[in-house]
Amino acid sequence: MLRAILFDLDDTLYDLKAHWIACLRTALADAARATPYDLETLVHRALTAKIWINQMPDFLRAEGITDPRLIDTIFARYRDIWFETLTLDPDAPALLTALGARYRLGLITNGPSWSQRPKIERFALASYMHAIIVSEEVGVAKPDPQIFHIALTTLAVAPEEALFVGDSPENDLRGAAQAGMPAIWVNRHGATLPADIPQPIAVVEGLRDLMAIIHAYDSH
């Protein structure tokens, strides 16, 4: 019988990729006018290079932008809009409320506190979760099974009494399996599951169908 549901954060409880692209388009509008590339090409180059907040100044310099005031302006805009425009998946509040009435809920997210805690606060996730684990704060990150066990211990449940919901085949599906937990794969962008990754119990494109899937799984 299930007693707990654990979630990843980025690209699980909200669409990180869509948010990332929107922020890059806004931040790089001025940069595109100072490089040989149009805006969409520059955004694609930033996505390919995995340019998050702190990487933006170096990325701009690598793209040939030398004006320090322009670099500072773009960096500040990117940093500010990143947190100001974050939007929780619209299906998440009702889902978490319904699940929280039946199960203990937990969150496990990789990343530093400075980037993950503002998201957790903006989304008011502490009002839903019985455990919130940020990798930097515990000194271990997914897919290491230890971080899953930290969350399970905090929730006072065994691995076989819990289910993990996440988007990353490596970090979430493999990590949960190594910790002894079944998992559901949130595949928002049509990725292909690598052959060496443990099979999830279900695959969803978003959060809309999760309640029914979890209820059916728990009823078996």
Protein backbone atom coordinates (compact mmCIF):
# COMPACT_ATOMS: atom_id res chain seq x y z
CA MET A 1 0.00 0.00 0.00
CA LEU A 2 1.28 3.45 -0.86
CA ARG A 3 1.85 5.87 1.97
CA ALA A 4 3.92 8.58 0.25
CA ILE A 5 4.33 10.31 -3.10
CA LEU A 6 7.60 12.10 -3.82
CA PHE A 7 8.15 14.65 -6.58
CA ASP A 8 10.99 16.19 -8.51
CA LEU A 9 10.66 19.96 -9.07
CA ASP A 10 12.13 21.22 -12.36
CA ASP A 11 10.23 20.07 -15.47
CA THR A 12 7.94 18.05 -13.22
CA LEU A 13 5.86 20.47 -11.14
CA TYR A 14 6.37 23.17 -13.77
CA ASP A 15 7.60 23.31 -17.36
CA LEU A 16 11.22 24.38 -16.90
CA LYS A 17 12.10 24.19 -20.59
CA ALA A 18 9.25 26.47 -21.67
CA HIS A 19 10.14 28.92 -18.89
CA TRP A 20 13.82 28.82 -19.84
CA ILE A 21 13.10 29.56 -23.51
CA ALA A 22 10.78 32.45 -22.63
CA CYS A 23 13.38 33.98 -20.31
CA LEU A 24 16.14 33.63 -22.92
CA ARG A 25 13.99 35.29 -25.59
CA THR A 26 13.33 38.27 -23.33
CA ALA A 27 16.88 38.59 -22.01
CA LEU A 28 18.66 38.14 -25.34
CA ALA A 29 16.55 40.53 -27.43
CA ASP A 30 19.20 43.26 -27.16
CA ALA A 31 22.07 40.78 -27.54
CA ALA A 32 20.74 39.57 -30.90
CA ARG A 33 21.18 43.06 -32.29
CA ALA A 34 24.86 42.99 -31.31
CA THR A 35 25.72 39.57 -32.81
CA PRO A 36 25.53 38.01 -36.30
CA TYR A 37 22.61 35.84 -35.16
CA ASP A 38 18.89 36.45 -35.10
CA LEU A 39 17.11 36.07 -31.78
CA GLU A 40 15.88 32.50 -32.28
CA THR A 41 19.34 31.31 -33.36
CA LEU A 42 20.91 32.95 -30.33
CA VAL A 43 18.30 31.39 -28.04
CA HIS A 44 19.01 27.99 -29.60
CA ARG A 45 22.74 28.46 -29.06
CA ALA A 46 22.11 29.35 -25.40
CA LEU A 47 19.87 26.31 -24.91
CA THR A 48 22.44 24.01 -26.51
CA ALA A 49 25.17 25.44 -24.29
CA LYS A 50 22.87 25.10 -21.23
CA ILE A 51 23.13 28.74 -20.26
CA TRP A 52 21.54 29.22 -16.85
CA ILE A 53 21.68 32.44 -14.86
CA ASN A 54 25.32 32.53 -13.81
CA GLN A 55 26.61 31.39 -17.20
CA MET A 56 25.06 34.31 -19.11
CA PRO A 57 27.97 36.82 -18.94
CA ASP A 58 30.51 34.27 -20.22
CA PHE A 59 28.09 33.18 -22.95
CA LEU A 60 27.66 36.76 -24.15
CA ARG A 61 31.40 37.33 -24.27
CA ALA A 62 31.84 34.07 -26.21
CA GLU A 63 29.27 35.38 -28.71
CA GLY A 64 31.40 38.46 -29.33
CA ILE A 65 29.67 40.98 -27.08
CA THR A 66 32.28 43.14 -25.36
CA ASP A 67 30.28 46.10 -24.03
CA PRO A 68 30.32 45.57 -20.23
CA ARG A 69 27.19 47.68 -19.74
CA LEU A 70 25.24 45.57 -22.24
CA ILE A 71 26.48 42.37 -20.62
CA ASP A 72 25.47 43.64 -17.16
CA THR A 73 22.05 44.74 -18.42
CA ILE A 74 21.28 41.40 -20.09
CA PHE A 75 22.55 39.42 -17.11
CA ALA A 76 20.45 41.45 -14.66
CA ARG A 77 17.35 41.13 -16.85
CA TYR A 78 17.80 37.36 -17.20
CA ARG A 79 18.33 36.92 -13.47
CA ASP A 80 15.35 39.06 -12.50
CA ILE A 81 12.78 37.65 -14.90
CA TRP A 82 13.86 34.09 -14.12
CA PHE A 83 12.25 34.22 -10.70
CA GLU A 84 9.57 36.83 -11.43
CA THR A 85 7.92 34.84 -14.21
CA LEU A 86 8.03 31.30 -12.77
CA THR A 87 4.62 29.64 -13.07
CA LEU A 88 3.57 26.42 -11.37
CA ASP A 89 1.85 23.84 -13.56
CA PRO A 90 -1.85 24.82 -13.41
CA ASP A 91 -2.79 21.24 -12.53
CA ALA A 92 -0.36 21.08 -9.60
CA PRO A 93 -2.35 22.78 -6.79
CA ALA A 94 -5.42 20.58 -7.11
CA LEU A 95 -3.27 17.48 -7.59
CA LEU A 96 -1.10 18.15 -4.54
CA THR A 97 -4.13 19.01 -2.42
CA ALA A 98 -5.90 15.78 -3.38
CA LEU A 99 -2.80 13.62 -2.94
CA GLY A 100 -1.97 15.31 0.35
CA ALA A 101 -5.32 14.23 1.75
CA ARG A 102 -4.33 10.57 1.25
CA TYR A 103 -0.53 10.41 1.28
CA ARG A 104 2.52 12.01 2.78
CA LEU A 105 4.17 14.19 0.14
CA GLY A 106 7.84 14.93 -0.44
CA LEU A 107 10.00 16.97 -2.80
CA ILE A 108 13.54 16.07 -3.88
CA THR A 109 15.33 18.59 -6.09
CA ASN A 110 18.90 18.86 -7.31
CA GLY A 111 20.57 22.24 -7.25
CA PRO A 112 21.86 25.00 -5.01
CA SER A 113 19.63 26.59 -2.40
CA TRP A 114 19.87 30.03 -4.04
CA SER A 115 18.10 28.75 -7.16
CA GLN A 116 15.76 26.11 -5.71
CA ARG A 117 14.45 27.77 -2.55
CA PRO A 118 12.99 30.80 -4.37
CA LYS A 119 11.03 28.42 -6.61
CA ILE A 120 9.79 26.46 -3.62
CA GLU A 121 8.68 29.68 -1.94
CA ARG A 122 7.09 31.16 -5.08
CA PHE A 123 5.07 27.98 -5.63
CA ALA A 124 4.18 27.74 -1.88
CA LEU A 125 5.26 24.09 -1.94
CA ALA A 126 5.87 24.01 1.81
CA SER A 127 2.10 24.18 2.24
CA TYR A 128 1.79 20.80 0.48
CA MET A 129 4.98 18.92 1.31
CA HIS A 130 5.84 16.99 4.46
CA ALA A 131 9.50 16.86 3.40
CA ILE A 132 11.55 19.14 1.13
CA ILE A 133 15.06 17.98 0.23
CA VAL A 134 17.44 20.25 -1.71
CA SER A 135 20.61 18.48 -2.81
CA GLU A 136 23.05 21.21 -1.79
CA GLU A 137 21.59 21.24 1.71
CA VAL A 138 22.10 17.52 2.30
CA GLY A 139 25.38 17.09 0.42
CA VAL A 140 24.16 14.45 -2.02
CA ALA A 141 22.23 14.64 -5.29
CA LYS A 142 20.05 12.44 -7.47
CA PRO A 143 20.56 9.81 -8.82
CA ASP A 144 22.44 8.79 -5.65
CA PRO A 145 19.93 6.63 -3.76
CA GLN A 146 21.03 8.24 -0.50
CA ILE A 147 19.06 11.42 -1.21
CA PHE A 148 15.91 9.36 -1.76
CA HIS A 149 16.51 7.55 1.51
CA ILE A 150 16.91 10.88 3.32
CA ALA A 151 13.46 11.87 2.09
CA LEU A 152 11.96 8.48 2.93
CA THR A 153 13.39 8.63 6.45
CA THR A 154 11.99 12.13 6.90
CA LEU A 155 8.57 10.87 5.80
CA ALA A 156 8.91 7.72 7.94
CA VAL A 157 8.04 5.38 5.06
CA ALA A 158 9.77 2.42 3.43
CA PRO A 159 10.79 2.53 -0.26
CA GLU A 160 8.09 0.05 -1.24
CA GLU A 161 5.50 2.33 0.39
CA ALA A 162 6.45 5.29 -1.80
CA LEU A 163 6.24 6.36 -5.44
CA PHE A 164 8.46 8.90 -7.19
CA VAL A 165 7.32 11.30 -9.91
CA GLY A 166 9.99 12.98 -12.05
CA ASP A 167 11.14 13.98 -15.51
CA SER A 168 14.79 12.91 -15.68
CA PRO A 169 15.42 9.32 -16.80
CA GLU A 170 18.85 9.31 -15.17
CA ASN A 171 18.27 11.32 -12.02
CA ASP A 172 14.67 10.41 -11.26
CA LEU A 173 13.87 7.03 -12.81
CA ARG A 174 17.25 5.40 -12.28
CA GLY A 175 17.73 7.06 -8.90
CA ALA A 176 14.32 5.99 -7.61
CA ALA A 177 14.83 2.43 -8.85
CA GLN A 178 18.21 2.22 -7.10
CA ALA A 179 16.49 3.40 -3.92
CA GLY A 180 13.86 0.66 -4.27
CA MET A 181 10.99 2.90 -5.40
CA PRO A 182 8.69 2.65 -8.44
CA ALA A 183 8.44 5.82 -10.53
CA ILE A 184 6.23 7.69 -12.97
CA TRP A 185 7.95 9.52 -15.82
CA VAL A 186 6.78 13.05 -16.60
CA ASN A 187 7.82 13.35 -20.24
CA ARG A 188 6.68 16.85 -21.25
CA HIS A 189 8.75 17.14 -24.41
CA GLY A 190 8.48 13.77 -26.12
CA ALA A 191 11.87 12.38 -25.12
CA THR A 192 12.85 8.75 -25.79
CA LEU A 193 13.58 6.61 -22.76
CA PRO A 194 17.16 5.30 -22.92
CA ALA A 195 17.35 1.52 -23.15
CA ASP A 196 19.32 1.15 -19.92
CA ILE A 197 16.87 3.11 -17.75
CA PRO A 198 14.47 1.16 -15.50
CA GLN A 199 10.94 1.23 -16.88
CA PRO A 200 8.52 3.56 -15.08
CA ILE A 201 5.10 2.29 -14.09
CA ALA A 202 3.54 4.98 -16.31
CA VAL A 203 4.47 7.86 -18.62
CA VAL A 204 2.57 11.17 -18.60
CA GLU A 205 2.92 14.39 -20.59
CA GLY A 206 1.92 16.52 -17.60
CA LEU A 207 0.21 16.30 -14.23
CA ARG A 208 -3.40 16.05 -15.38
CA ASP A 209 -3.70 12.25 -15.31
CA LEU A 210 -1.49 11.56 -12.32
CA MET A 211 -4.23 11.25 -9.70
CA ALA A 212 -6.03 8.52 -11.64
CA ILE A 213 -2.78 6.65 -12.38
CA ILE A 214 -1.63 6.76 -8.77
CA HIS A 215 -5.06 5.66 -7.51
CA ALA A 216 -5.14 2.73 -9.95
CA TYR A 217 -1.61 1.69 -8.98
CA ASP A 218 -2.42 1.90 -5.28
CA SER A 219 -5.59 -0.15 -5.73
CA HIS A 220 -3.74 -3.21 -7.09
